[in-house]
């Protein structure tokens, strides 16, 4: 292999790594926003948002990023897939009953 081929391979590997990092940053931002939706909807303290999101993902067998995307779009479109909505409410019920004013305002 020539030096030029080796450099091209390294550049391609770095471009792939950069693309993966960009995707991770976007995914992380969506997950953070979804945690915020869960916190407001459930009237929860911040430390419980991640666990709720993870529970929903595991119980629906849906990638966490996909669950997050649905939750972030929910306030705009007013709709969640039924299985995600069911697991969100169930997960919140397992934590503690949310206060009624949060539930009414978030729906």
PDB file of N, CA and C in Angstrom:
ATOM      1  N   UNK A   1       0.853  -1.179   0.000  1.00  0.00           N
ATOM      2  CA  UNK A   1       0.000   0.000   0.000  1.00  0.00           C
ATOM      3  C   UNK A   1       0.893   1.234   0.000  1.00  0.00           C
ATOM      4  N   UNK A   2       0.522   2.195  -0.810  1.00  0.00           N
ATOM      5  CA  UNK A   2       1.314   3.419  -0.897  1.00  0.00           C
ATOM      6  C   UNK A   2       0.950   4.350   0.256  1.00  0.00           C
ATOM      7  N   UNK A   3       1.784   5.334   0.439  1.00  0.00           N
ATOM      8  CA  UNK A   3       1.534   6.322   1.500  1.00  0.00           C
ATOM      9  C   UNK A   3       0.255   7.105   1.210  1.00  0.00           C
ATOM     10  N   UNK A   4       0.033   7.418  -0.058  1.00  0.00           N
ATOM     11  CA  UNK A   4      -1.174   8.163  -0.438  1.00  0.00           C
ATOM     12  C   UNK A   4      -2.426   7.338  -0.134  1.00  0.00           C
ATOM     13  N   UNK A   5      -2.419   6.039  -0.417  1.00  0.00           N
ATOM     14  CA  UNK A   5      -3.556   5.171  -0.121  1.00  0.00           C
ATOM     15  C   UNK A   5      -3.803   5.092   1.382  1.00  0.00           C
ATOM     16  N   UNK A   6      -2.713   5.039   2.134  1.00  0.00           N
ATOM     17  CA  UNK A   6      -2.827   4.999   3.596  1.00  0.00           C
ATOM     18  C   UNK A   6      -3.453   6.287   4.125  1.00  0.00           C
ATOM     19  N   UNK A   7      -3.048   7.416   3.573  1.00  0.00           N
ATOM     20  CA  UNK A   7      -3.619   8.704   3.993  1.00  0.00           C
ATOM     21  C   UNK A   7      -5.098   8.792   3.616  1.00  0.00           C
ATOM     22  N   UNK A   8      -5.449   8.326   2.433  1.00  0.00           N
ATOM     23  CA  UNK A   8      -6.858   8.339   2.019  1.00  0.00           C
ATOM     24  C   UNK A   8      -7.707   7.456   2.932  1.00  0.00           C
ATOM     25  N   UNK A   9      -7.161   6.329   3.325  1.00  0.00           N
ATOM     26  CA  UNK A   9      -7.889   5.446   4.239  1.00  0.00           C
ATOM     27  C   UNK A   9      -8.076   6.115   5.604  1.00  0.00           C
ATOM     28  N   UNK A  10      -7.045   6.803   6.072  1.00  0.00           N
ATOM     29  CA  UNK A  10      -7.168   7.504   7.359  1.00  0.00           C
ATOM     30  C   UNK A  10      -8.193   8.635   7.282  1.00  0.00           C
ATOM     31  N   UNK A  11      -8.188   9.373   6.171  1.00  0.00           N
ATOM     32  CA  UNK A  11      -9.162  10.452   5.989  1.00  0.00           C
ATOM     33  C   UNK A  11     -10.579   9.879   5.976  1.00  0.00           C
ATOM     34  N   UNK A  12     -10.783   8.783   5.279  1.00  0.00           N
ATOM     35  CA  UNK A  12     -12.106   8.154   5.221  1.00  0.00           C
ATOM     36  C   UNK A  12     -12.538   7.697   6.616  1.00  0.00           C
ATOM     37  N   UNK A  13     -11.615   7.133   7.376  1.00  0.00           N
ATOM     38  CA  UNK A  13     -11.943   6.690   8.737  1.00  0.00           C
ATOM     39  C   UNK A  13     -12.303   7.878   9.621  1.00  0.00           C
ATOM     40  N   UNK A  14     -11.587   8.983   9.488  1.00  0.00           N
ATOM     41  CA  UNK A  14     -11.885  10.182  10.285  1.00  0.00           C
ATOM     42  C   UNK A  14     -13.221  10.797   9.881  1.00  0.00           C
ATOM     43  N   UNK A  15     -13.536  10.783   8.589  1.00  0.00           N
ATOM     44  CA  UNK A  15     -14.827  11.300   8.141  1.00  0.00           C
ATOM     45  C   UNK A  15     -15.972  10.460   8.704  1.00  0.00           C
ATOM     46  N   UNK A  16     -15.785   9.144   8.741  1.00  0.00           N
ATOM     47  CA  UNK A  16     -16.807   8.253   9.314  1.00  0.00           C
ATOM     48  C   UNK A  16     -16.973   8.527  10.810  1.00  0.00           C
ATOM     49  N   UNK A  17     -15.870   8.698  11.503  1.00  0.00           N
ATOM     50  CA  UNK A  17     -15.934   8.993  12.941  1.00  0.00           C
ATOM     51  C   UNK A  17     -16.632  10.329  13.191  1.00  0.00           C
ATOM     52  N   UNK A  18     -16.348  11.320  12.379  1.00  0.00           N
ATOM     53  CA  UNK A  18     -16.989  12.627  12.505  1.00  0.00           C
ATOM     54  C   UNK A  18     -18.500  12.515  12.274  1.00  0.00           C
ATOM     55  N   UNK A  19     -18.905  11.757  11.280  1.00  0.00           N
ATOM     56  CA  UNK A  19     -20.334  11.562  11.014  1.00  0.00           C
ATOM     57  C   UNK A  19     -21.017  10.887  12.198  1.00  0.00           C
ATOM     58  N   UNK A  20     -20.363   9.893  12.779  1.00  0.00           N
ATOM     59  CA  UNK A  20     -20.930   9.215  13.946  1.00  0.00           C
ATOM     60  C   UNK A  20     -21.049  10.160  15.137  1.00  0.00           C
ATOM     61  N   UNK A  21     -20.069  11.007  15.330  1.00  0.00           N
ATOM     62  CA  UNK A  21     -20.109  11.955  16.449  1.00  0.00           C
ATOM     63  C   UNK A  21     -21.206  12.992  16.243  1.00  0.00           C
ATOM     64  N   UNK A  22     -21.374  13.449  15.017  1.00  0.00           N
ATOM     65  CA  UNK A  22     -22.463  14.399  14.732  1.00  0.00           C
ATOM     66  C   UNK A  22     -23.814  13.762  15.023  1.00  0.00           C
ATOM     67  N   UNK A  23     -23.983  12.519  14.610  1.00  0.00           N
ATOM     68  CA  UNK A  23     -25.234  11.804  14.872  1.00  0.00           C
ATOM     69  C   UNK A  23     -25.452  11.661  16.382  1.00  0.00           C
ATOM     70  N   UNK A  24     -24.400  11.346  17.117  1.00  0.00           N
ATOM     71  CA  UNK A  24     -24.512  11.183  18.569  1.00  0.00           C
ATOM     72  C   UNK A  24     -24.919  12.487  19.245  1.00  0.00           C
ATOM     73  N   UNK A  25     -24.376  13.602  18.783  1.00  0.00           N
ATOM     74  CA  UNK A  25     -24.713  14.903  19.377  1.00  0.00           C
ATOM     75  C   UNK A  25     -26.189  15.215  19.149  1.00  0.00           C
ATOM     76  N   UNK A  26     -26.674  14.985  17.939  1.00  0.00           N
ATOM     77  CA  UNK A  26     -28.083  15.242  17.638  1.00  0.00           C
ATOM     78  C   UNK A  26     -28.970  14.320  18.468  1.00  0.00           C
ATOM     79  N   UNK A  27     -28.623  13.035  18.531  1.00  0.00           N
ATOM     80  CA  UNK A  27     -29.407  12.078  19.313  1.00  0.00           C
ATOM     81  C   UNK A  27     -29.441  12.474  20.779  1.00  0.00           C
ATOM     82  N   UNK A  28     -28.309  12.911  21.298  1.00  0.00           N
ATOM     83  CA  UNK A  28     -28.233  13.312  22.701  1.00  0.00           C
ATOM     84  C   UNK A  28     -29.154  14.507  22.970  1.00  0.00           C
ATOM     85  N   UNK A  29     -29.177  15.451  22.049  1.00  0.00           N
ATOM     86  CA  UNK A  29     -30.040  16.630  22.221  1.00  0.00           C
ATOM     87  C   UNK A  29     -31.511  16.227  22.229  1.00  0.00           C
ATOM     88  N   UNK A  30     -31.892  15.301  21.350  1.00  0.00           N
ATOM     89  CA  UNK A  30     -33.283  14.847  21.299  1.00  0.00           C
ATOM     90  C   UNK A  30     -33.644  14.112  22.584  1.00  0.00           C
ATOM     91  N   UNK A  31     -32.737  13.291  23.083  1.00  0.00           N
ATOM     92  CA  UNK A  31     -32.989  12.563  24.337  1.00  0.00           C
ATOM     93  C   UNK A  31     -33.154  13.548  25.483  1.00  0.00           C
ATOM     94  N   UNK A  32     -32.299  14.556  25.541  1.00  0.00           N
ATOM     95  CA  UNK A  32     -32.419  15.565  26.600  1.00  0.00           C
ATOM     96  C   UNK A  32     -33.764  16.299  26.527  1.00  0.00           C
ATOM     97  N   UNK A  33     -34.209  16.631  25.322  1.00  0.00           N
ATOM     98  CA  UNK A  33     -35.494  17.298  25.164  1.00  0.00           C
ATOM     99  C   UNK A  33     -36.637  16.385  25.593  1.00  0.00           C
ATOM    100  N   UNK A  34     -36.539  15.102  25.248  1.00  0.00           N
ATOM    101  CA  UNK A  34     -37.576  14.135  25.630  1.00  0.00           C
ATOM    102  C   UNK A  34     -37.647  13.983  27.144  1.00  0.00           C
ATOM    103  N   UNK A  35     -36.506  13.988  27.796  1.00  0.00           N
ATOM    104  CA  UNK A  35     -36.495  13.929  29.256  1.00  0.00           C
ATOM    105  C   UNK A  35     -37.242  15.132  29.813  1.00  0.00           C
ATOM    106  N   UNK A  36     -37.039  16.295  29.219  1.00  0.00           N
ATOM    107  CA  UNK A  36     -37.761  17.491  29.650  1.00  0.00           C
ATOM    108  C   UNK A  36     -39.262  17.336  29.495  1.00  0.00           C
ATOM    109  N   UNK A  37     -39.708  16.742  28.389  1.00  0.00           N
ATOM    110  CA  UNK A  37     -41.145  16.502  28.185  1.00  0.00           C
ATOM    111  C   UNK A  37     -41.679  15.588  29.277  1.00  0.00           C
ATOM    112  N   UNK A  38     -40.939  14.516  29.563  1.00  0.00           N
ATOM    113  CA  UNK A  38     -41.361  13.568  30.605  1.00  0.00           C
ATOM    114  C   UNK A  38     -41.458  14.271  31.957  1.00  0.00           C
ATOM    115  N   UNK A  39     -40.489  15.105  32.264  1.00  0.00           N
ATOM    116  CA  UNK A  39     -40.476  15.799  33.558  1.00  0.00           C
ATOM    117  C   UNK A  39     -41.680  16.720  33.707  1.00  0.00           C
ATOM    118  N   UNK A  40     -41.975  17.471  32.659  1.00  0.00           N
ATOM    119  CA  UNK A  40     -43.105  18.402  32.721  1.00  0.00           C
ATOM    120  C   UNK A  40     -44.416  17.624  32.786  1.00  0.00           C
ATOM    121  N   UNK A  41     -44.568  16.635  31.922  1.00  0.00           N
ATOM    122  CA  UNK A  41     -45.806  15.852  31.886  1.00  0.00           C
ATOM    123  C   UNK A  41     -46.049  15.131  33.210  1.00  0.00           C
ATOM    124  N   UNK A  42     -44.998  14.561  33.764  1.00  0.00           N
ATOM    125  CA  UNK A  42     -45.162  13.784  34.988  1.00  0.00           C
ATOM    126  C   UNK A  42     -44.983  14.559  36.267  1.00  0.00           C
ATOM    127  N   UNK A  43     -44.559  15.810  36.177  1.00  0.00           N
ATOM    128  CA  UNK A  43     -44.312  16.583  37.387  1.00  0.00           C
ATOM    129  C   UNK A  43     -43.226  15.947  38.249  1.00  0.00           C
ATOM    130  N   UNK A  44     -42.174  15.470  37.597  1.00  0.00           N
ATOM    131  CA  UNK A  44     -41.110  14.726  38.279  1.00  0.00           C
ATOM    132  C   UNK A  44     -39.883  15.586  38.520  1.00  0.00           C
ATOM    133  N   UNK A  45     -39.066  15.172  39.484  1.00  0.00           N
ATOM    134  CA  UNK A  45     -37.762  15.817  39.652  1.00  0.00           C
ATOM    135  C   UNK A  45     -36.835  15.369  38.513  1.00  0.00           C
ATOM    136  N   UNK A  46     -35.858  16.172  38.147  1.00  0.00           N
ATOM    137  CA  UNK A  46     -34.996  15.892  36.995  1.00  0.00           C
ATOM    138  C   UNK A  46     -34.316  14.528  37.005  1.00  0.00           C
ATOM    139  N   UNK A  47     -33.930  14.041  38.156  1.00  0.00           N
ATOM    140  CA  UNK A  47     -33.195  12.771  38.198  1.00  0.00           C
ATOM    141  C   UNK A  47     -34.038  11.564  37.777  1.00  0.00           C
ATOM    142  N   UNK A  48     -35.354  11.703  37.705  1.00  0.00           N
ATOM    143  CA  UNK A  48     -36.201  10.567  37.336  1.00  0.00           C
ATOM    144  C   UNK A  48     -36.517  10.492  35.848  1.00  0.00           C
ATOM    145  N   UNK A  49     -36.252  11.543  35.105  1.00  0.00           N
ATOM    146  CA  UNK A  49     -36.598  11.574  33.687  1.00  0.00           C
ATOM    147  C   UNK A  49     -35.901  10.502  32.866  1.00  0.00           C
ATOM    148  N   UNK A  50     -34.612  10.313  33.089  1.00  0.00           N
ATOM    149  CA  UNK A  50     -33.859   9.310  32.328  1.00  0.00           C
ATOM    150  C   UNK A  50     -34.406   7.907  32.578  1.00  0.00           C
ATOM    151  N   UNK A  51     -34.697   7.579  33.832  1.00  0.00           N
ATOM    152  CA  UNK A  51     -35.203   6.241  34.141  1.00  0.00           C
ATOM    153  C   UNK A  51     -36.547   5.979  33.456  1.00  0.00           C
ATOM    154  N   UNK A  52     -37.409   6.979  33.438  1.00  0.00           N
ATOM    155  CA  UNK A  52     -38.710   6.830  32.776  1.00  0.00           C
ATOM    156  C   UNK A  52     -38.502   6.576  31.283  1.00  0.00           C
ATOM    157  N   UNK A  53     -37.655   7.373  30.662  1.00  0.00           N
ATOM    158  CA  UNK A  53     -37.394   7.216  29.231  1.00  0.00           C
ATOM    159  C   UNK A  53     -36.822   5.834  28.925  1.00  0.00           C
ATOM    160  N   UNK A  54     -35.887   5.393  29.730  1.00  0.00           N
ATOM    161  CA  UNK A  54     -35.283   4.067  29.552  1.00  0.00           C
ATOM    162  C   UNK A  54     -36.320   2.970  29.740  1.00  0.00           C
ATOM    163  N   UNK A  55     -37.170   3.111  30.757  1.00  0.00           N
ATOM    164  CA  UNK A  55     -38.234   2.120  30.993  1.00  0.00           C
ATOM    165  C   UNK A  55     -39.159   2.006  29.778  1.00  0.00           C
ATOM    166  N   UNK A  56     -39.564   3.132  29.248  1.00  0.00           N
ATOM    167  CA  UNK A  56     -40.459   3.123  28.083  1.00  0.00           C
ATOM    168  C   UNK A  56     -39.783   2.398  26.922  1.00  0.00           C
ATOM    169  N   UNK A  57     -38.540   2.708  26.683  1.00  0.00           N
ATOM    170  CA  UNK A  57     -37.794   2.080  25.598  1.00  0.00           C
ATOM    171  C   UNK A  57     -37.721   0.564  25.774  1.00  0.00           C
ATOM    172  N   UNK A  58     -37.391   0.125  26.966  1.00  0.00           N
ATOM    173  CA  UNK A  58     -37.252  -1.305  27.225  1.00  0.00           C
ATOM    174  C   UNK A  58     -38.592  -2.030  27.153  1.00  0.00           C
ATOM    175  N   UNK A  59     -39.606  -1.454  27.731  1.00  0.00           N
ATOM    176  CA  UNK A  59     -40.907  -2.135  27.791  1.00  0.00           C
ATOM    177  C   UNK A  59     -41.634  -2.154  26.440  1.00  0.00           C
ATOM    178  N   UNK A  60     -41.310  -1.207  25.552  1.00  0.00           N
ATOM    179  CA  UNK A  60     -41.932  -1.204  24.225  1.00  0.00           C
ATOM    180  C   UNK A  60     -41.015  -1.835  23.175  1.00  0.00           C
ATOM    181  N   UNK A  61     -39.805  -2.200  23.598  1.00  0.00           N
ATOM    182  CA  UNK A  61     -38.815  -2.766  22.675  1.00  0.00           C
ATOM    183  C   UNK A  61     -38.580  -1.810  21.497  1.00  0.00           C
ATOM    184  N   UNK A  62     -38.429  -0.535  21.842  1.00  0.00           N
ATOM    185  CA  UNK A  62     -38.213   0.524  20.863  1.00  0.00           C
ATOM    186  C   UNK A  62     -36.899   1.218  21.218  1.00  0.00           C
ATOM    187  N   UNK A  63     -36.122   1.554  20.213  1.00  0.00           N
ATOM    188  CA  UNK A  63     -34.860   2.249  20.482  1.00  0.00           C
ATOM    189  C   UNK A  63     -35.141   3.529  21.260  1.00  0.00           C
ATOM    190  N   UNK A  64     -34.272   3.812  22.201  1.00  0.00           N
ATOM    191  CA  UNK A  64     -34.441   4.978  23.060  1.00  0.00           C
ATOM    192  C   UNK A  64     -34.547   6.249  22.225  1.00  0.00           C
ATOM    193  N   UNK A  65     -33.731   6.363  21.192  1.00  0.00           N
ATOM    194  CA  UNK A  65     -33.766   7.544  20.342  1.00  0.00           C
ATOM    195  C   UNK A  65     -35.133   7.707  19.670  1.00  0.00           C
ATOM    196  N   UNK A  66     -35.743   6.605  19.261  1.00  0.00           N
ATOM    197  CA  UNK A  66     -37.057   6.664  18.623  1.00  0.00           C
ATOM    198  C   UNK A  66     -38.132   7.096  19.619  1.00  0.00           C
ATOM    199  N   UNK A  67     -38.063   6.557  20.827  1.00  0.00           N
ATOM    200  CA  UNK A  67     -39.004   6.974  21.866  1.00  0.00           C
ATOM    201  C   UNK A  67     -38.847   8.472  22.108  1.00  0.00           C
ATOM    202  N   UNK A  68     -37.600   8.928  22.197  1.00  0.00           N
ATOM    203  CA  UNK A  68     -37.327  10.347  22.431  1.00  0.00           C
ATOM    204  C   UNK A  68     -37.900  11.210  21.307  1.00  0.00           C
ATOM    205  N   UNK A  69     -37.732  10.772  20.071  1.00  0.00           N
ATOM    206  CA  UNK A  69     -38.254  11.541  18.946  1.00  0.00           C
ATOM    207  C   UNK A  69     -39.777  11.663  19.017  1.00  0.00           C
ATOM    208  N   UNK A  70     -40.454  10.574  19.378  1.00  0.00           N
ATOM    209  CA  UNK A  70     -41.914  10.629  19.522  1.00  0.00           C
ATOM    210  C   UNK A  70     -42.315  11.605  20.626  1.00  0.00           C
ATOM    211  N   UNK A  71     -41.623  11.536  21.755  1.00  0.00           N
ATOM    212  CA  UNK A  71     -41.969  12.407  22.885  1.00  0.00           C
ATOM    213  C   UNK A  71     -41.728  13.876  22.561  1.00  0.00           C
ATOM    214  N   UNK A  72     -40.670  14.163  21.822  1.00  0.00           N
ATOM    215  CA  UNK A  72     -40.363  15.556  21.469  1.00  0.00           C
ATOM    216  C   UNK A  72     -41.406  16.107  20.493  1.00  0.00           C
ATOM    217  N   UNK A  73     -41.908  15.271  19.602  1.00  0.00           N
ATOM    218  CA  UNK A  73     -42.930  15.720  18.637  1.00  0.00           C
ATOM    219  C   UNK A  73     -44.325  15.769  19.255  1.00  0.00           C
ATOM    220  N   UNK A  74     -44.543  15.062  20.343  1.00  0.00           N
ATOM    221  CA  UNK A  74     -45.862  14.949  20.970  1.00  0.00           C
ATOM    222  C   UNK A  74     -46.530  16.296  21.240  1.00  0.00           C
ATOM    223  N   UNK A  75     -45.862  17.268  21.882  1.00  0.00           N
ATOM    224  CA  UNK A  75     -46.547  18.544  22.153  1.00  0.00           C
ATOM    225  C   UNK A  75     -46.994  19.262  20.877  1.00  0.00           C
ATOM    226  N   UNK A  76     -46.226  19.131  19.815  1.00  0.00           N
ATOM    227  CA  UNK A  76     -46.575  19.816  18.563  1.00  0.00           C
ATOM    228  C   UNK A  76     -47.745  19.136  17.853  1.00  0.00           C
ATOM    229  N   UNK A  77     -47.712  17.798  17.794  1.00  0.00           N
ATOM    230  CA  UNK A  77     -48.726  17.069  17.035  1.00  0.00           C
ATOM    231  C   UNK A  77     -49.874  16.533  17.882  1.00  0.00           C
ATOM    232  N   UNK A  78     -49.687  16.504  19.199  1.00  0.00           N
ATOM    233  CA  UNK A  78     -50.749  16.052  20.085  1.00  0.00           C
ATOM    234  C   UNK A  78     -51.039  14.562  20.013  1.00  0.00           C
ATOM    235  N   UNK A  79     -50.064  13.774  19.551  1.00  0.00           N
ATOM    236  CA  UNK A  79     -50.278  12.336  19.407  1.00  0.00           C
ATOM    237  C   UNK A  79     -49.002  11.583  19.748  1.00  0.00           C
ATOM    238  N   UNK A  80     -49.178  10.496  20.469  1.00  0.00           N
ATOM    239  CA  UNK A  80     -48.088   9.558  20.755  1.00  0.00           C
ATOM    240  C   UNK A  80     -48.541   8.178  20.299  1.00  0.00           C
ATOM    241  N   UNK A  81     -47.620   7.350  19.809  1.00  0.00           N
ATOM    242  CA  UNK A  81     -48.020   5.970  19.542  1.00  0.00           C
ATOM    243  C   UNK A  81     -48.639   5.377  20.813  1.00  0.00           C
ATOM    244  N   UNK A  82     -49.727   4.643  20.672  1.00  0.00           N
ATOM    245  CA  UNK A  82     -50.445   4.142  21.856  1.00  0.00           C
ATOM    246  C   UNK A  82     -49.577   3.360  22.835  1.00  0.00           C
ATOM    247  N   UNK A  83     -48.666   2.536  22.328  1.00  0.00           N
ATOM    248  CA  UNK A  83     -47.833   1.745  23.236  1.00  0.00           C
ATOM    249  C   UNK A  83     -46.876   2.622  24.031  1.00  0.00           C
ATOM    250  N   UNK A  84     -46.387   3.699  23.437  1.00  0.00           N
ATOM    251  CA  UNK A  84     -45.501   4.618  24.155  1.00  0.00           C
ATOM    252  C   UNK A  84     -46.303   5.416  25.174  1.00  0.00           C
ATOM    253  N   UNK A  85     -47.486   5.879  24.800  1.00  0.00           N
ATOM    254  CA  UNK A  85     -48.333   6.619  25.740  1.00  0.00           C
ATOM    255  C   UNK A  85     -48.707   5.738  26.927  1.00  0.00           C
ATOM    256  N   UNK A  86     -49.064   4.486  26.647  1.00  0.00           N
ATOM    257  CA  UNK A  86     -49.428   3.553  27.720  1.00  0.00           C
ATOM    258  C   UNK A  86     -48.245   3.343  28.678  1.00  0.00           C
ATOM    259  N   UNK A  87     -47.076   3.102  28.128  1.00  0.00           N
ATOM    260  CA  UNK A  87     -45.909   2.853  28.982  1.00  0.00           C
ATOM    261  C   UNK A  87     -45.453   4.106  29.716  1.00  0.00           C
ATOM    262  N   UNK A  88     -45.624   5.263  29.108  1.00  0.00           N
ATOM    263  CA  UNK A  88     -45.306   6.516  29.803  1.00  0.00           C
ATOM    264  C   UNK A  88     -46.195   6.654  31.031  1.00  0.00           C
ATOM    265  N   UNK A  89     -47.496   6.487  30.843  1.00  0.00           N
ATOM    266  CA  UNK A  89     -48.413   6.601  31.973  1.00  0.00           C
ATOM    267  C   UNK A  89     -48.158   5.520  33.015  1.00  0.00           C
ATOM    268  N   UNK A  90     -47.872   4.301  32.561  1.00  0.00           N
ATOM    269  CA  UNK A  90     -47.596   3.204  33.498  1.00  0.00           C
ATOM    270  C   UNK A  90     -46.316   3.473  34.289  1.00  0.00           C
ATOM    271  N   UNK A  91     -45.276   3.951  33.603  1.00  0.00           N
ATOM    272  CA  UNK A  91     -44.010   4.243  34.281  1.00  0.00           C
ATOM    273  C   UNK A  91     -44.189   5.354  35.307  1.00  0.00           C
ATOM    274  N   UNK A  92     -44.957   6.364  34.948  1.00  0.00           N
ATOM    275  CA  UNK A  92     -45.221   7.445  35.896  1.00  0.00           C
ATOM    276  C   UNK A  92     -46.028   6.940  37.082  1.00  0.00           C
ATOM    277  N   UNK A  93     -46.985   6.055  36.823  1.00  0.00           N
ATOM    278  CA  UNK A  93     -47.780   5.483  37.901  1.00  0.00           C
ATOM    279  C   UNK A  93     -46.949   4.653  38.861  1.00  0.00           C
ATOM    280  N   UNK A  94     -45.913   3.998  38.335  1.00  0.00           N
ATOM    281  CA  UNK A  94     -45.034   3.207  39.197  1.00  0.00           C
ATOM    282  C   UNK A  94     -44.154   4.088  40.067  1.00  0.00           C
ATOM    283  N   UNK A  95     -43.888   5.309  39.628  1.00  0.00           N
ATOM    284  CA  UNK A  95     -43.040   6.219  40.410  1.00  0.00           C
ATOM    285  C   UNK A  95     -43.837   6.832  41.563  1.00  0.00           C
ATOM    286  N   UNK A  96     -44.814   7.596  41.194  1.00  0.00           N
ATOM    287  CA  UNK A  96     -45.728   8.226  42.150  1.00  0.00           C
ATOM    288  C   UNK A  96     -46.812   8.910  41.333  1.00  0.00           C
ATOM    289  N   UNK A  97     -47.982   9.057  41.886  1.00  0.00           N
ATOM    290  CA  UNK A  97     -49.045   9.714  41.116  1.00  0.00           C
ATOM    291  C   UNK A  97     -48.672  11.164  40.825  1.00  0.00           C
ATOM    292  N   UNK A  98     -48.723  11.570  39.553  1.00  0.00           N
ATOM    293  CA  UNK A  98     -48.412  12.969  39.238  1.00  0.00           C
ATOM    294  C   UNK A  98     -49.522  13.896  39.706  1.00  0.00           C
ATOM    295  N   UNK A  99     -49.145  15.118  39.942  1.00  0.00           N
ATOM    296  CA  UNK A  99     -50.143  16.087  40.368  1.00  0.00           C
ATOM    297  C   UNK A  99     -51.052  16.422  39.190  1.00  0.00           C
ATOM    298  N   UNK A 100     -52.361  16.575  39.427  1.00  0.00           N
ATOM    299  CA  UNK A 100     -53.335  16.774  38.343  1.00  0.00           C
ATOM    300  C   UNK A 100     -53.051  17.990  37.467  1.00  0.00           C
ATOM    301  N   UNK A 101     -52.532  19.060  38.023  1.00  0.00           N
ATOM    302  CA  UNK A 101     -52.332  20.257  37.207  1.00  0.00           C
ATOM    303  C   UNK A 101     -51.268  20.034  36.137  1.00  0.00           C
ATOM    304  N   UNK A 102     -50.255  19.188  36.394  1.00  0.00           N
ATOM    305  CA  UNK A 102     -49.259  18.879  35.371  1.00  0.00           C
ATOM    306  C   UNK A 102     -49.861  18.036  34.271  1.00  0.00           C
ATOM    307  N   UNK A 103     -50.675  17.046  34.628  1.00  0.00           N
ATOM    308  CA  UNK A 103     -51.281  16.159  33.636  1.00  0.00           C
ATOM    309  C   UNK A 103     -52.226  16.920  32.724  1.00  0.00           C
ATOM    310  N   UNK A 104     -53.019  17.790  33.289  1.00  0.00           N
ATOM    311  CA  UNK A 104     -53.985  18.549  32.497  1.00  0.00           C
ATOM    312  C   UNK A 104     -53.280  19.527  31.582  1.00  0.00           C
ATOM    313  N   UNK A 105     -52.267  20.206  32.090  1.00  0.00           N
ATOM    314  CA  UNK A 105     -51.567  21.219  31.294  1.00  0.00           C
ATOM    315  C   UNK A 105     -50.762  20.587  30.178  1.00  0.00           C
ATOM    316  N   UNK A 106     -50.210  19.401  30.385  1.00  0.00           N
ATOM    317  CA  UNK A 106     -49.337  18.778  29.403  1.00  0.00           C
ATOM    318  C   UNK A 106     -50.105  18.115  28.281  1.00  0.00           C
ATOM    319  N   UNK A 107     -51.344  17.748  28.478  1.00  0.00           N
ATOM    320  CA  UNK A 107     -52.108  17.047  27.446  1.00  0.00           C
ATOM    321  C   UNK A 107     -52.663  18.059  26.540  1.00  0.00           C
TER     322      UNK A 107
END
